[in-house]
PDB file of all heavy atoms in Angstrom:
ATOM      1  N   MET A   1       0.859  -1.177  -0.047  1.00  0.00           N
ATOM      2  CA  MET A   1       0.005   0.019   0.001  1.00  0.00           C
ATOM      3  C   MET A   1       0.807   1.283  -0.005  1.00  0.00           C
ATOM      4  O   MET A   1       0.545   2.239  -0.664  1.00  0.00           O
ATOM      5  CB  MET A   1      -0.939  -0.011   1.184  1.00  0.00           C
ATOM      6  CG  MET A   1      -1.948  -1.099   1.209  1.00  0.00           C
ATOM      7  SD  MET A   1      -2.972  -1.125  -0.310  1.00  0.00           S
ATOM      8  CE  MET A   1      -2.183  -2.374  -1.334  1.00  0.00           C
ATOM      9  N   GLN A   2       1.889   1.236   0.763  1.00  0.00           N
ATOM     10  CA  GLN A   2       2.907   2.320   0.745  1.00  0.00           C
ATOM     11  C   GLN A   2       3.503   2.570  -0.590  1.00  0.00           C
ATOM     12  O   GLN A   2       3.617   3.652  -1.096  1.00  0.00           O
ATOM     13  CB  GLN A   2       3.928   2.139   1.872  1.00  0.00           C
ATOM     14  CG  GLN A   2       3.419   2.226   3.255  1.00  0.00           C
ATOM     15  CD  GLN A   2       4.347   1.760   4.319  1.00  0.00           C
ATOM     16  OE1 GLN A   2       5.517   1.376   3.971  1.00  0.00           O
ATOM     17  NE2 GLN A   2       3.919   1.674   5.567  1.00  0.00           N
ATOM     18  N   GLN A   3       3.927   1.454  -1.255  1.00  0.00           N
ATOM     19  CA  GLN A   3       4.516   1.565  -2.564  1.00  0.00           C
ATOM     20  C   GLN A   3       3.505   2.073  -3.618  1.00  0.00           C
ATOM     21  O   GLN A   3       3.882   2.880  -4.503  1.00  0.00           O
ATOM     22  CB  GLN A   3       4.996   0.213  -3.019  1.00  0.00           C
ATOM     23  CG  GLN A   3       6.261  -0.322  -2.168  1.00  0.00           C
ATOM     24  CD  GLN A   3       6.584  -1.723  -2.558  1.00  0.00           C
ATOM     25  OE1 GLN A   3       6.005  -2.351  -3.464  1.00  0.00           O
ATOM     26  NE2 GLN A   3       7.589  -2.249  -1.829  1.00  0.00           N
ATOM     27  N   LEU A   4       2.321   1.646  -3.479  1.00  0.00           N
ATOM     28  CA  LEU A   4       1.218   2.098  -4.401  1.00  0.00           C
ATOM     29  C   LEU A   4       1.037   3.600  -4.286  1.00  0.00           C
ATOM     30  O   LEU A   4       1.011   4.381  -5.300  1.00  0.00           O
ATOM     31  CB  LEU A   4      -0.107   1.388  -4.119  1.00  0.00           C
ATOM     32  CG  LEU A   4      -1.292   1.781  -4.965  1.00  0.00           C
ATOM     33  CD1 LEU A   4      -0.966   1.641  -6.500  1.00  0.00           C
ATOM     34  CD2 LEU A   4      -2.501   1.000  -4.588  1.00  0.00           C
ATOM     35  N   GLU A   5       0.903   4.099  -3.050  1.00  0.00           N
ATOM     36  CA  GLU A   5       0.728   5.581  -2.815  1.00  0.00           C
ATOM     37  C   GLU A   5       1.969   6.337  -3.351  1.00  0.00           C
ATOM     38  O   GLU A   5       1.813   7.349  -3.936  1.00  0.00           O
ATOM     39  CB  GLU A   5       0.483   5.791  -1.362  1.00  0.00           C
ATOM     40  CG  GLU A   5      -0.879   5.371  -0.889  1.00  0.00           C
ATOM     41  CD  GLU A   5      -1.108   5.615   0.607  1.00  0.00           C
ATOM     42  OE1 GLU A   5      -0.212   5.227   1.380  1.00  0.00           O
ATOM     43  OE2 GLU A   5      -2.111   6.152   0.950  1.00  0.00           O
ATOM     44  N   GLY A   6       3.156   5.740  -3.169  1.00  0.00           N
ATOM     45  CA  GLY A   6       4.367   6.337  -3.643  1.00  0.00           C
ATOM     46  C   GLY A   6       4.415   6.452  -5.147  1.00  0.00           C
ATOM     47  O   GLY A   6       4.798   7.520  -5.655  1.00  0.00           O
ATOM     48  N   ARG A   7       3.994   5.406  -5.777  1.00  0.00           N
ATOM     49  CA  ARG A   7       4.006   5.402  -7.272  1.00  0.00           C
ATOM     50  C   ARG A   7       3.005   6.403  -7.846  1.00  0.00           C
ATOM     51  O   ARG A   7       3.287   7.095  -8.832  1.00  0.00           O
ATOM     52  CB  ARG A   7       3.721   3.994  -7.817  1.00  0.00           C
ATOM     53  CG  ARG A   7       4.769   3.016  -7.592  1.00  0.00           C
ATOM     54  CD  ARG A   7       4.353   1.594  -8.017  1.00  0.00           C
ATOM     55  NE  ARG A   7       4.094   1.581  -9.471  1.00  0.00           N
ATOM     56  CZ  ARG A   7       3.631   0.461 -10.110  1.00  0.00           C
ATOM     57  NH1 ARG A   7       3.306  -0.608  -9.454  1.00  0.00           N
ATOM     58  NH2 ARG A   7       3.426   0.533 -11.427  1.00  0.00           N
ATOM     59  N   LEU A   8       1.903   6.528  -7.196  1.00  0.00           N
ATOM     60  CA  LEU A   8       0.857   7.417  -7.691  1.00  0.00           C
ATOM     61  C   LEU A   8       1.046   8.843  -7.228  1.00  0.00           C
ATOM     62  O   LEU A   8       0.576   9.787  -7.806  1.00  0.00           O
ATOM     63  CB  LEU A   8      -0.524   6.982  -7.193  1.00  0.00           C
ATOM     64  CG  LEU A   8      -1.034   5.638  -7.743  1.00  0.00           C
ATOM     65  CD1 LEU A   8      -2.313   5.161  -7.005  1.00  0.00           C
ATOM     66  CD2 LEU A   8      -1.288   5.744  -9.235  1.00  0.00           C
ATOM     67  N   GLY A   9       1.810   9.028  -6.151  1.00  0.00           N
ATOM     68  CA  GLY A   9       2.061  10.329  -5.581  1.00  0.00           C
ATOM     69  C   GLY A   9       0.744  10.902  -4.966  1.00  0.00           C
ATOM     70  O   GLY A   9       0.457  12.119  -4.944  1.00  0.00           O
ATOM     71  N   LEU A  10      -0.024   9.969  -4.422  1.00  0.00           N
ATOM     72  CA  LEU A  10      -1.333  10.270  -3.947  1.00  0.00           C
ATOM     73  C   LEU A  10      -1.524   9.653  -2.498  1.00  0.00           C
ATOM     74  O   LEU A  10      -1.021   8.504  -2.302  1.00  0.00           O
ATOM     75  CB  LEU A  10      -2.477   9.839  -4.793  1.00  0.00           C
ATOM     76  CG  LEU A  10      -2.505  10.423  -6.187  1.00  0.00           C
ATOM     77  CD1 LEU A  10      -3.514   9.664  -7.073  1.00  0.00           C
ATOM     78  CD2 LEU A  10      -2.873  11.868  -6.191  1.00  0.00           C
ATOM     79  N   GLY A  11      -2.273  10.310  -1.641  1.00  0.00           N
ATOM     80  CA  GLY A  11      -2.620   9.649  -0.396  1.00  0.00           C
ATOM     81  C   GLY A  11      -4.000   8.934  -0.541  1.00  0.00           C
ATOM     82  O   GLY A  11      -4.971   9.592  -0.785  1.00  0.00           O
ATOM     83  N   LEU A  12      -4.015   7.653  -0.487  1.00  0.00           N
ATOM     84  CA  LEU A  12      -5.233   6.905  -0.665  1.00  0.00           C
ATOM     85  C   LEU A  12      -6.039   6.606   0.601  1.00  0.00           C
ATOM     86  O   LEU A  12      -7.153   6.346   0.622  1.00  0.00           O
ATOM     87  CB  LEU A  12      -4.956   5.553  -1.419  1.00  0.00           C
ATOM     88  CG  LEU A  12      -4.282   5.703  -2.763  1.00  0.00           C
ATOM     89  CD1 LEU A  12      -3.918   4.295  -3.296  1.00  0.00           C
ATOM     90  CD2 LEU A  12      -5.116   6.342  -3.695  1.00  0.00           C
ATOM     91  N   PHE A  13      -5.271   6.653   1.738  1.00  0.00           N
ATOM     92  CA  PHE A  13      -5.839   6.252   3.006  1.00  0.00           C
ATOM     93  C   PHE A  13      -5.574   7.366   4.028  1.00  0.00           C
ATOM     94  O   PHE A  13      -4.483   8.018   4.037  1.00  0.00           O
ATOM     95  CB  PHE A  13      -5.287   4.947   3.497  1.00  0.00           C
ATOM     96  CG  PHE A  13      -5.588   3.750   2.613  1.00  0.00           C
ATOM     97  CD1 PHE A  13      -4.603   3.263   1.835  1.00  0.00           C
ATOM     98  CD2 PHE A  13      -6.803   3.115   2.694  1.00  0.00           C
ATOM     99  CE1 PHE A  13      -4.832   2.207   1.008  1.00  0.00           C
ATOM    100  CE2 PHE A  13      -7.043   2.037   1.879  1.00  0.00           C
ATOM    101  CZ  PHE A  13      -6.083   1.564   1.022  1.00  0.00           C
ATOM    102  N   VAL A  14      -6.537   7.506   5.013  1.00  0.00           N
ATOM    103  CA  VAL A  14      -6.269   8.163   6.264  1.00  0.00           C
ATOM    104  C   VAL A  14      -6.068   7.131   7.303  1.00  0.00           C
ATOM    105  O   VAL A  14      -7.028   6.282   7.554  1.00  0.00           O
ATOM    106  CB  VAL A  14      -7.480   9.121   6.586  1.00  0.00           C
ATOM    107  CG1 VAL A  14      -7.241   9.710   7.984  1.00  0.00           C
ATOM    108  CG2 VAL A  14      -7.655  10.158   5.559  1.00  0.00           C
ATOM    109  N   ARG A  15      -4.915   7.071   7.896  1.00  0.00           N
ATOM    110  CA  ARG A  15      -4.607   6.011   8.829  1.00  0.00           C
ATOM    111  C   ARG A  15      -4.944   6.394  10.253  1.00  0.00           C
ATOM    112  O   ARG A  15      -4.399   7.326  10.797  1.00  0.00           O
ATOM    113  CB  ARG A  15      -3.120   5.628   8.673  1.00  0.00           C
ATOM    114  CG  ARG A  15      -2.811   4.887   7.380  1.00  0.00           C
ATOM    115  CD  ARG A  15      -1.290   4.843   7.115  1.00  0.00           C
ATOM    116  NE  ARG A  15      -1.007   3.962   5.937  1.00  0.00           N
ATOM    117  CZ  ARG A  15      -1.174   4.398   4.651  1.00  0.00           C
ATOM    118  NH1 ARG A  15      -1.556   5.656   4.448  1.00  0.00           N
ATOM    119  NH2 ARG A  15      -0.988   3.579   3.669  1.00  0.00           N
ATOM    120  N   GLU A  16      -5.845   5.609  10.834  1.00  0.00           N
ATOM    121  CA  GLU A  16      -6.202   5.735  12.243  1.00  0.00           C
ATOM    122  C   GLU A  16      -5.611   4.552  12.966  1.00  0.00           C
ATOM    123  O   GLU A  16      -4.966   3.696  12.388  1.00  0.00           O
ATOM    124  CB  GLU A  16      -7.726   5.849  12.316  1.00  0.00           C
ATOM    125  CG  GLU A  16      -8.336   6.976  11.584  1.00  0.00           C
ATOM    126  CD  GLU A  16      -9.814   6.982  11.639  1.00  0.00           C
ATOM    127  OE1 GLU A  16     -10.385   6.039  12.040  1.00  0.00           O
ATOM    128  OE2 GLU A  16     -10.466   8.048  11.194  1.00  0.00           O
ATOM    129  N   LYS A  17      -5.973   4.462  14.285  1.00  0.00           N
ATOM    130  CA  LYS A  17      -5.307   3.477  15.088  1.00  0.00           C
ATOM    131  C   LYS A  17      -5.564   2.045  14.603  1.00  0.00           C
ATOM    132  O   LYS A  17      -4.716   1.210  14.504  1.00  0.00           O
ATOM    133  CB  LYS A  17      -5.737   3.678  16.561  1.00  0.00           C
ATOM    134  CG  LYS A  17      -4.962   2.752  17.525  1.00  0.00           C
ATOM    135  CD  LYS A  17      -5.361   3.064  18.913  1.00  0.00           C
ATOM    136  CE  LYS A  17      -4.596   2.146  19.941  1.00  0.00           C
ATOM    137  NZ  LYS A  17      -4.942   2.467  21.318  1.00  0.00           N
ATOM    138  N   LYS A  18      -6.898   1.719  14.424  1.00  0.00           N
ATOM    139  CA  LYS A  18      -7.200   0.365  13.992  1.00  0.00           C
ATOM    140  C   LYS A  18      -8.025   0.345  12.674  1.00  0.00           C
ATOM    141  O   LYS A  18      -8.608  -0.640  12.272  1.00  0.00           O
ATOM    142  CB  LYS A  18      -8.073  -0.276  15.085  1.00  0.00           C
ATOM    143  CG  LYS A  18      -7.311  -0.487  16.365  1.00  0.00           C
ATOM    144  CD  LYS A  18      -8.217  -1.322  17.332  1.00  0.00           C
ATOM    145  CE  LYS A  18      -7.415  -1.609  18.653  1.00  0.00           C
ATOM    146  NZ  LYS A  18      -8.317  -2.343  19.629  1.00  0.00           N
ATOM    147  N   ARG A  19      -7.945   1.476  11.930  1.00  0.00           N
ATOM    148  CA  ARG A  19      -8.720   1.527  10.760  1.00  0.00           C
ATOM    149  C   ARG A  19      -8.039   2.330   9.703  1.00  0.00           C
ATOM    150  O   ARG A  19      -7.365   3.408   9.992  1.00  0.00           O
ATOM    151  CB  ARG A  19     -10.087   2.117  11.116  1.00  0.00           C
ATOM    152  CG  ARG A  19     -11.105   2.300   9.978  1.00  0.00           C
ATOM    153  CD  ARG A  19     -12.296   2.979  10.421  1.00  0.00           C
ATOM    154  NE  ARG A  19     -13.217   3.196   9.332  1.00  0.00           N
ATOM    155  CZ  ARG A  19     -14.320   4.038   9.451  1.00  0.00           C
ATOM    156  NH1 ARG A  19     -14.632   4.598  10.568  1.00  0.00           N
ATOM    157  NH2 ARG A  19     -15.084   4.159   8.314  1.00  0.00           N
ATOM    158  N   LEU A  20      -8.224   1.994   8.459  1.00  0.00           N
ATOM    159  CA  LEU A  20      -7.713   2.796   7.298  1.00  0.00           C
ATOM    160  C   LEU A  20      -8.929   3.226   6.511  1.00  0.00           C
ATOM    161  O   LEU A  20      -9.760   2.387   5.995  1.00  0.00           O
ATOM    162  CB  LEU A  20      -6.864   1.947   6.351  1.00  0.00           C
ATOM    163  CG  LEU A  20      -5.400   1.848   6.699  1.00  0.00           C
ATOM    164  CD1 LEU A  20      -5.188   0.993   7.940  1.00  0.00           C
ATOM    165  CD2 LEU A  20      -4.590   1.305   5.542  1.00  0.00           C
ATOM    166  N   ARG A  21      -9.177   4.579   6.504  1.00  0.00           N
ATOM    167  CA  ARG A  21     -10.288   5.151   5.801  1.00  0.00           C
ATOM    168  C   ARG A  21      -9.822   5.672   4.462  1.00  0.00           C
ATOM    169  O   ARG A  21      -8.710   6.283   4.386  1.00  0.00           O
ATOM    170  CB  ARG A  21     -10.952   6.261   6.621  1.00  0.00           C
ATOM    171  CG  ARG A  21     -11.696   5.759   7.850  1.00  0.00           C
ATOM    172  CD  ARG A  21     -12.534   6.854   8.492  1.00  0.00           C
ATOM    173  NE  ARG A  21     -11.701   7.918   8.975  1.00  0.00           N
ATOM    174  CZ  ARG A  21     -11.608   9.145   8.414  1.00  0.00           C
ATOM    175  NH1 ARG A  21     -12.274   9.421   7.307  1.00  0.00           N
ATOM    176  NH2 ARG A  21     -10.828  10.115   8.973  1.00  0.00           N
ATOM    177  N   LEU A  22     -10.584   5.535   3.431  1.00  0.00           N
ATOM    178  CA  LEU A  22     -10.236   6.078   2.133  1.00  0.00           C
ATOM    179  C   LEU A  22     -10.389   7.549   2.092  1.00  0.00           C
ATOM    180  O   LEU A  22     -11.325   8.143   2.660  1.00  0.00           O
ATOM    181  CB  LEU A  22     -11.172   5.425   1.005  1.00  0.00           C
ATOM    182  CG  LEU A  22     -10.927   3.986   0.655  1.00  0.00           C
ATOM    183  CD1 LEU A  22     -11.985   3.514  -0.236  1.00  0.00           C
ATOM    184  CD2 LEU A  22      -9.547   3.827  -0.047  1.00  0.00           C
ATOM    185  N   THR A  23      -9.395   8.161   1.472  1.00  0.00           N
ATOM    186  CA  THR A  23      -9.565   9.597   1.163  1.00  0.00           C
ATOM    187  C   THR A  23     -10.489   9.751  -0.022  1.00  0.00           C
ATOM    188  O   THR A  23     -10.973   8.836  -0.612  1.00  0.00           O
ATOM    189  CB  THR A  23      -8.203  10.233   0.817  1.00  0.00           C
ATOM    190  OG1 THR A  23      -7.723   9.642  -0.379  1.00  0.00           O
ATOM    191  CG2 THR A  23      -7.146  10.009   1.938  1.00  0.00           C
ATOM    192  N   ALA A  24     -10.827  11.015  -0.305  1.00  0.00           N
ATOM    193  CA  ALA A  24     -11.701  11.290  -1.537  1.00  0.00           C
ATOM    194  C   ALA A  24     -11.082  10.788  -2.736  1.00  0.00           C
ATOM    195  O   ALA A  24     -11.710  10.110  -3.621  1.00  0.00           O
ATOM    196  CB  ALA A  24     -11.942  12.767  -1.645  1.00  0.00           C
ATOM    197  N   VAL A  25      -9.747  10.937  -2.895  1.00  0.00           N
ATOM    198  CA  VAL A  25      -9.023  10.409  -4.039  1.00  0.00           C
ATOM    199  C   VAL A  25      -9.070   8.907  -3.978  1.00  0.00           C
ATOM    200  O   VAL A  25      -9.193   8.182  -4.962  1.00  0.00           O
ATOM    201  CB  VAL A  25      -7.577  10.963  -4.076  1.00  0.00           C
ATOM    202  CG1 VAL A  25      -6.732  10.181  -5.126  1.00  0.00           C
ATOM    203  CG2 VAL A  25      -7.525  12.377  -4.424  1.00  0.00           C
ATOM    204  N   GLY A  26      -8.923   8.285  -2.793  1.00  0.00           N
ATOM    205  CA  GLY A  26      -8.968   6.846  -2.655  1.00  0.00           C
ATOM    206  C   GLY A  26     -10.219   6.232  -3.008  1.00  0.00           C
ATOM    207  O   GLY A  26     -10.244   5.197  -3.675  1.00  0.00           O
ATOM    208  N   ARG A  27     -11.355   6.918  -2.719  1.00  0.00           N
ATOM    209  CA  ARG A  27     -12.689   6.419  -3.181  1.00  0.00           C
ATOM    210  C   ARG A  27     -12.811   6.427  -4.661  1.00  0.00           C
ATOM    211  O   ARG A  27     -13.293   5.469  -5.297  1.00  0.00           O
ATOM    212  CB  ARG A  27     -13.752   7.277  -2.497  1.00  0.00           C
ATOM    213  CG  ARG A  27     -13.912   7.010  -1.031  1.00  0.00           C
ATOM    214  CD  ARG A  27     -15.224   7.625  -0.471  1.00  0.00           C
ATOM    215  NE  ARG A  27     -15.174   9.075  -0.570  1.00  0.00           N
ATOM    216  CZ  ARG A  27     -14.687   9.917   0.380  1.00  0.00           C
ATOM    217  NH1 ARG A  27     -14.170   9.382   1.515  1.00  0.00           N
ATOM    218  NH2 ARG A  27     -14.756  11.181   0.241  1.00  0.00           N
ATOM    219  N   THR A  28     -12.279   7.489  -5.263  1.00  0.00           N
ATOM    220  CA  THR A  28     -12.327   7.466  -6.791  1.00  0.00           C
ATOM    221  C   THR A  28     -11.449   6.403  -7.353  1.00  0.00           C
ATOM    222  O   THR A  28     -11.792   5.688  -8.300  1.00  0.00           O
ATOM    223  CB  THR A  28     -11.846   8.888  -7.282  1.00  0.00           C
ATOM    224  OG1 THR A  28     -12.716   9.834  -6.811  1.00  0.00           O
ATOM    225  CG2 THR A  28     -11.852   8.897  -8.803  1.00  0.00           C
ATOM    226  N   PHE A  29     -10.301   6.255  -6.754  1.00  0.00           N
ATOM    227  CA  PHE A  29      -9.365   5.222  -7.253  1.00  0.00           C
ATOM    228  C   PHE A  29      -9.920   3.830  -7.056  1.00  0.00           C
ATOM    229  O   PHE A  29      -9.690   2.924  -7.849  1.00  0.00           O
ATOM    230  CB  PHE A  29      -8.055   5.305  -6.480  1.00  0.00           C
ATOM    231  CG  PHE A  29      -6.925   4.462  -7.079  1.00  0.00           C
ATOM    232  CD1 PHE A  29      -6.267   4.888  -8.201  1.00  0.00           C
ATOM    233  CD2 PHE A  29      -6.534   3.226  -6.471  1.00  0.00           C
ATOM    234  CE1 PHE A  29      -5.284   4.043  -8.753  1.00  0.00           C
ATOM    235  CE2 PHE A  29      -5.558   2.449  -6.983  1.00  0.00           C
ATOM    236  CZ  PHE A  29      -4.866   2.859  -8.153  1.00  0.00           C
ATOM    237  N   LEU A  30     -10.714   3.606  -5.960  1.00  0.00           N
ATOM    238  CA  LEU A  30     -11.345   2.301  -5.778  1.00  0.00           C
ATOM    239  C   LEU A  30     -12.314   1.943  -6.903  1.00  0.00           C
ATOM    240  O   LEU A  30     -12.354   0.784  -7.334  1.00  0.00           O
ATOM    241  CB  LEU A  30     -12.124   2.292  -4.399  1.00  0.00           C
ATOM    242  CG  LEU A  30     -12.770   0.957  -4.087  1.00  0.00           C
ATOM    243  CD1 LEU A  30     -11.849  -0.242  -3.986  1.00  0.00           C
ATOM    244  CD2 LEU A  30     -13.524   1.078  -2.711  1.00  0.00           C
ATOM    245  N   LYS A  31     -13.110   2.871  -7.319  1.00  0.00           N
ATOM    246  CA  LYS A  31     -14.025   2.704  -8.459  1.00  0.00           C
ATOM    247  C   LYS A  31     -13.279   2.297  -9.716  1.00  0.00           C
ATOM    248  O   LYS A  31     -13.581   1.338 -10.378  1.00  0.00           O
ATOM    249  CB  LYS A  31     -14.874   3.947  -8.705  1.00  0.00           C
ATOM    250  CG  LYS A  31     -15.816   4.291  -7.578  1.00  0.00           C
ATOM    251  CD  LYS A  31     -16.618   5.549  -7.927  1.00  0.00           C
ATOM    252  CE  LYS A  31     -17.533   5.946  -6.795  1.00  0.00           C
ATOM    253  NZ  LYS A  31     -18.295   7.217  -7.054  1.00  0.00           N
ATOM    254  N   GLU A  32     -12.135   3.048  -9.923  1.00  0.00           N
ATOM    255  CA  GLU A  32     -11.362   2.749 -11.093  1.00  0.00           C
ATOM    256  C   GLU A  32     -10.695   1.396 -11.043  1.00  0.00           C
ATOM    257  O   GLU A  32     -10.548   0.659 -11.981  1.00  0.00           O
ATOM    258  CB  GLU A  32     -10.259   3.833 -11.331  1.00  0.00           C
ATOM    259  CG  GLU A  32     -10.795   5.240 -11.558  1.00  0.00           C
ATOM    260  CD  GLU A  32     -11.463   5.371 -12.919  1.00  0.00           C
ATOM    261  OE1 GLU A  32     -11.239   4.519 -13.756  1.00  0.00           O
ATOM    262  OE2 GLU A  32     -12.200   6.330 -13.077  1.00  0.00           O
ATOM    263  N   ALA A  33     -10.236   1.009  -9.800  1.00  0.00           N
ATOM    264  CA  ALA A  33      -9.605  -0.261  -9.680  1.00  0.00           C
ATOM    265  C   ALA A  33     -10.609  -1.426  -9.890  1.00  0.00           C
ATOM    266  O   ALA A  33     -10.240  -2.401 -10.505  1.00  0.00           O
ATOM    267  CB  ALA A  33      -9.062  -0.415  -8.216  1.00  0.00           C
TER     268      ALA A  33
END
């Protein structure tokens, strides 16, 4: 996941203690994926 965000130059997740929430860009990327 870190490598993917690095390749894209985008933050896909907001990292919380026990949860990873998608950013707005991440939600768009999920549809494309």
